[in-house]
């Protein structure tokens, strides 16, 4: 194997190790509990492949909390295209204008807004320096506000 390929493979392996060691972000479980208590339908809408998403949801013991997992395995374009959000809303039987996306990427915010969803941005360590101004609400962590608090903020925004 050429040295460049070895370096790329080593980099991918290290990135995978880091991702697999990542715990659930603060506030996520509390939000999921609020959503469950309200009996709201819940889906994942990801640009990542299904096996990647499913693997991490299972590893984090979150898979059972989602009624649907929509990914971009080639049958739809990835974010910033809105298709994965539109597919998730259709799978849940929810009109996009009555749905809320939680995003950690600018492409994700763009996709959610293009699909007509409300959007909360929660930038991660790698995306904190980017402009998330297109989101309806920006939080540094889901632990900073409850779902009820965010819904209250959204109710003050004109549709």
Protein backbone atom coordinates (compact mmCIF):
# COMPACT_ATOMS: atom_id res chain seq x y z
CA UNK A 1 0.00 0.00 0.00
CA UNK A 2 1.42 3.44 -0.90
CA UNK A 3 2.35 5.65 2.08
CA UNK A 4 -0.46 8.15 1.29
CA UNK A 5 -3.04 5.36 1.42
CA UNK A 6 -1.59 4.10 4.70
CA UNK A 7 -1.85 7.61 6.16
CA UNK A 8 -5.45 7.99 4.97
CA UNK A 9 -6.38 4.59 6.40
CA UNK A 10 -4.71 5.41 9.73
CA UNK A 11 -6.50 8.77 9.84
CA UNK A 12 -9.89 7.12 9.14
CA UNK A 13 -9.24 4.49 11.80
CA UNK A 14 -8.33 7.16 14.38
CA UNK A 15 -11.39 9.26 13.50
CA UNK A 16 -13.56 6.16 13.93
CA UNK A 17 -11.99 5.46 17.35
CA UNK A 18 -12.74 9.03 18.45
CA UNK A 19 -16.34 8.87 17.21
CA UNK A 20 -16.91 5.53 18.92
CA UNK A 21 -15.60 6.92 22.21
CA UNK A 22 -17.92 9.95 22.05
CA UNK A 23 -20.66 9.86 24.71
CA UNK A 24 -24.19 11.16 24.28
CA UNK A 25 -24.00 14.95 24.29
CA UNK A 26 -25.32 16.79 27.36
CA UNK A 27 -29.07 17.38 27.31
CA UNK A 28 -29.86 14.84 24.58
CA UNK A 29 -31.39 12.21 26.87
CA UNK A 30 -33.43 14.86 28.68
CA UNK A 31 -34.80 16.16 25.37
CA UNK A 32 -35.62 12.62 24.26
CA UNK A 33 -37.42 12.05 27.57
CA UNK A 34 -39.47 15.25 27.06
CA UNK A 35 -40.36 14.18 23.52
CA UNK A 36 -41.42 10.73 24.76
CA UNK A 37 -43.52 12.26 27.56
CA UNK A 38 -45.32 14.40 24.98
CA UNK A 39 -45.76 11.32 22.74
CA UNK A 40 -44.31 13.17 19.76
CA UNK A 41 -43.05 11.15 16.80
CA UNK A 42 -39.29 11.21 16.41
CA UNK A 43 -36.95 10.47 13.50
CA UNK A 44 -33.29 10.73 12.62
CA UNK A 45 -32.51 12.56 9.37
CA UNK A 46 -28.84 12.08 8.53
CA UNK A 47 -26.52 12.47 5.57
CA UNK A 48 -24.53 9.51 6.90
CA UNK A 49 -25.06 5.92 5.75
CA UNK A 50 -27.68 3.79 7.52
CA UNK A 51 -25.14 1.36 9.00
CA UNK A 52 -23.15 4.23 10.53
CA UNK A 53 -26.27 5.87 12.05
CA UNK A 54 -27.75 2.61 13.25
CA UNK A 55 -24.46 1.52 14.77
CA UNK A 56 -24.08 4.69 16.78
CA UNK A 57 -27.72 4.81 17.86
CA UNK A 58 -27.38 1.22 19.09
CA UNK A 59 -24.02 1.88 20.78
CA UNK A 60 -25.52 4.87 22.61
CA UNK A 61 -28.69 2.88 23.49
CA UNK A 62 -30.89 5.39 21.65
CA UNK A 63 -32.17 3.37 18.67
CA UNK A 64 -35.50 2.39 20.25
CA UNK A 65 -36.40 6.05 20.80
CA UNK A 66 -36.78 6.77 17.07
CA UNK A 67 -39.76 5.70 14.97
CA UNK A 68 -37.75 6.21 11.79
CA UNK A 69 -34.13 6.60 10.71
CA UNK A 70 -33.68 8.29 7.34
CA UNK A 71 -30.18 8.33 5.90
CA UNK A 72 -28.49 9.13 2.60
CA UNK A 73 -27.36 5.79 1.21
CA UNK A 74 -27.57 6.95 -2.40
CA UNK A 75 -31.35 6.99 -2.84
CA UNK A 76 -31.54 10.70 -1.92
CA UNK A 77 -29.04 13.56 -2.04
CA UNK A 78 -27.23 14.49 1.18
CA UNK A 79 -27.69 17.71 3.10
CA UNK A 80 -27.83 20.63 2.32
CA UNK A 81 -30.55 19.20 0.04
CA UNK A 82 -33.84 18.99 1.99
CA UNK A 83 -34.75 15.48 0.80
CA UNK A 84 -33.78 13.54 3.94
CA UNK A 85 -35.89 15.87 6.11
CA UNK A 86 -38.84 15.63 3.75
CA UNK A 87 -38.54 11.82 3.83
CA UNK A 88 -38.41 11.82 7.65
CA UNK A 89 -41.50 14.03 7.90
CA UNK A 90 -43.35 11.81 5.43
CA UNK A 91 -42.36 8.67 7.37
CA UNK A 92 -43.73 10.22 10.57
CA UNK A 93 -46.85 11.66 8.93
CA UNK A 94 -45.88 15.16 10.08
CA UNK A 95 -46.12 18.35 8.04
CA UNK A 96 -42.65 19.94 7.81
CA UNK A 97 -43.93 23.25 9.21
CA UNK A 98 -44.91 21.41 12.41
CA UNK A 99 -41.55 19.66 12.79
CA UNK A 100 -38.40 20.66 14.64
CA UNK A 101 -34.88 19.72 13.55
CA UNK A 102 -31.90 19.70 15.89
CA UNK A 103 -28.71 20.20 13.90
CA UNK A 104 -24.99 20.44 14.51
CA UNK A 105 -23.92 21.42 10.99
CA UNK A 106 -24.54 24.39 8.71
CA UNK A 107 -25.50 22.00 5.88
CA UNK A 108 -28.03 20.42 8.23
CA UNK A 109 -29.55 23.79 9.15
CA UNK A 110 -29.76 24.67 5.45
CA UNK A 111 -31.49 21.36 4.69
CA UNK A 112 -33.96 21.68 7.57
CA UNK A 113 -34.93 25.23 6.66
CA UNK A 114 -35.21 24.37 2.94
CA UNK A 115 -37.59 21.54 3.89
CA UNK A 116 -39.71 23.99 5.90
CA UNK A 117 -38.83 22.77 9.41
CA UNK A 118 -38.11 24.82 12.48
CA UNK A 119 -34.46 24.38 13.41
CA UNK A 120 -32.39 24.45 16.59
CA UNK A 121 -28.65 24.54 15.97
CA UNK A 122 -26.33 23.00 18.53
CA UNK A 123 -22.84 23.39 17.06
CA UNK A 124 -20.27 20.81 18.05
CA UNK A 125 -16.58 21.30 18.77
CA UNK A 126 -15.68 21.24 15.07
CA UNK A 127 -18.47 23.56 13.93
CA UNK A 128 -18.67 26.18 16.71
CA UNK A 129 -16.82 28.80 14.66
CA UNK A 130 -19.28 28.59 11.73
CA UNK A 131 -22.28 30.86 11.08
CA UNK A 132 -25.52 29.24 12.26
CA UNK A 133 -27.58 32.40 11.76
CA UNK A 134 -30.12 30.61 9.54
CA UNK A 135 -31.29 28.49 12.50
CA UNK A 136 -34.33 29.65 14.45
CA UNK A 137 -32.56 29.06 17.78
CA UNK A 138 -28.86 28.47 18.49
CA UNK A 139 -27.78 26.72 21.72
CA UNK A 140 -24.29 25.83 22.88
CA UNK A 141 -25.76 22.62 24.34
CA UNK A 142 -29.17 20.97 24.59
CA UNK A 143 -28.57 21.09 28.34
CA UNK A 144 -28.89 24.90 28.12
CA UNK A 145 -32.65 24.81 27.51
CA UNK A 146 -35.48 22.32 27.75
CA UNK A 147 -37.60 21.40 24.76
CA UNK A 148 -40.46 23.35 26.36
CA UNK A 149 -38.22 26.44 26.64
CA UNK A 150 -37.25 26.21 22.97
CA UNK A 151 -40.86 25.72 21.87
CA UNK A 152 -41.71 28.84 23.88
CA UNK A 153 -39.02 30.78 22.01
CA UNK A 154 -40.24 29.49 18.66
CA UNK A 155 -43.80 30.59 19.43
CA UNK A 156 -42.55 34.19 19.53
CA UNK A 157 -41.14 33.95 16.00
CA UNK A 158 -43.48 34.87 13.16
CA UNK A 159 -43.98 31.92 10.79
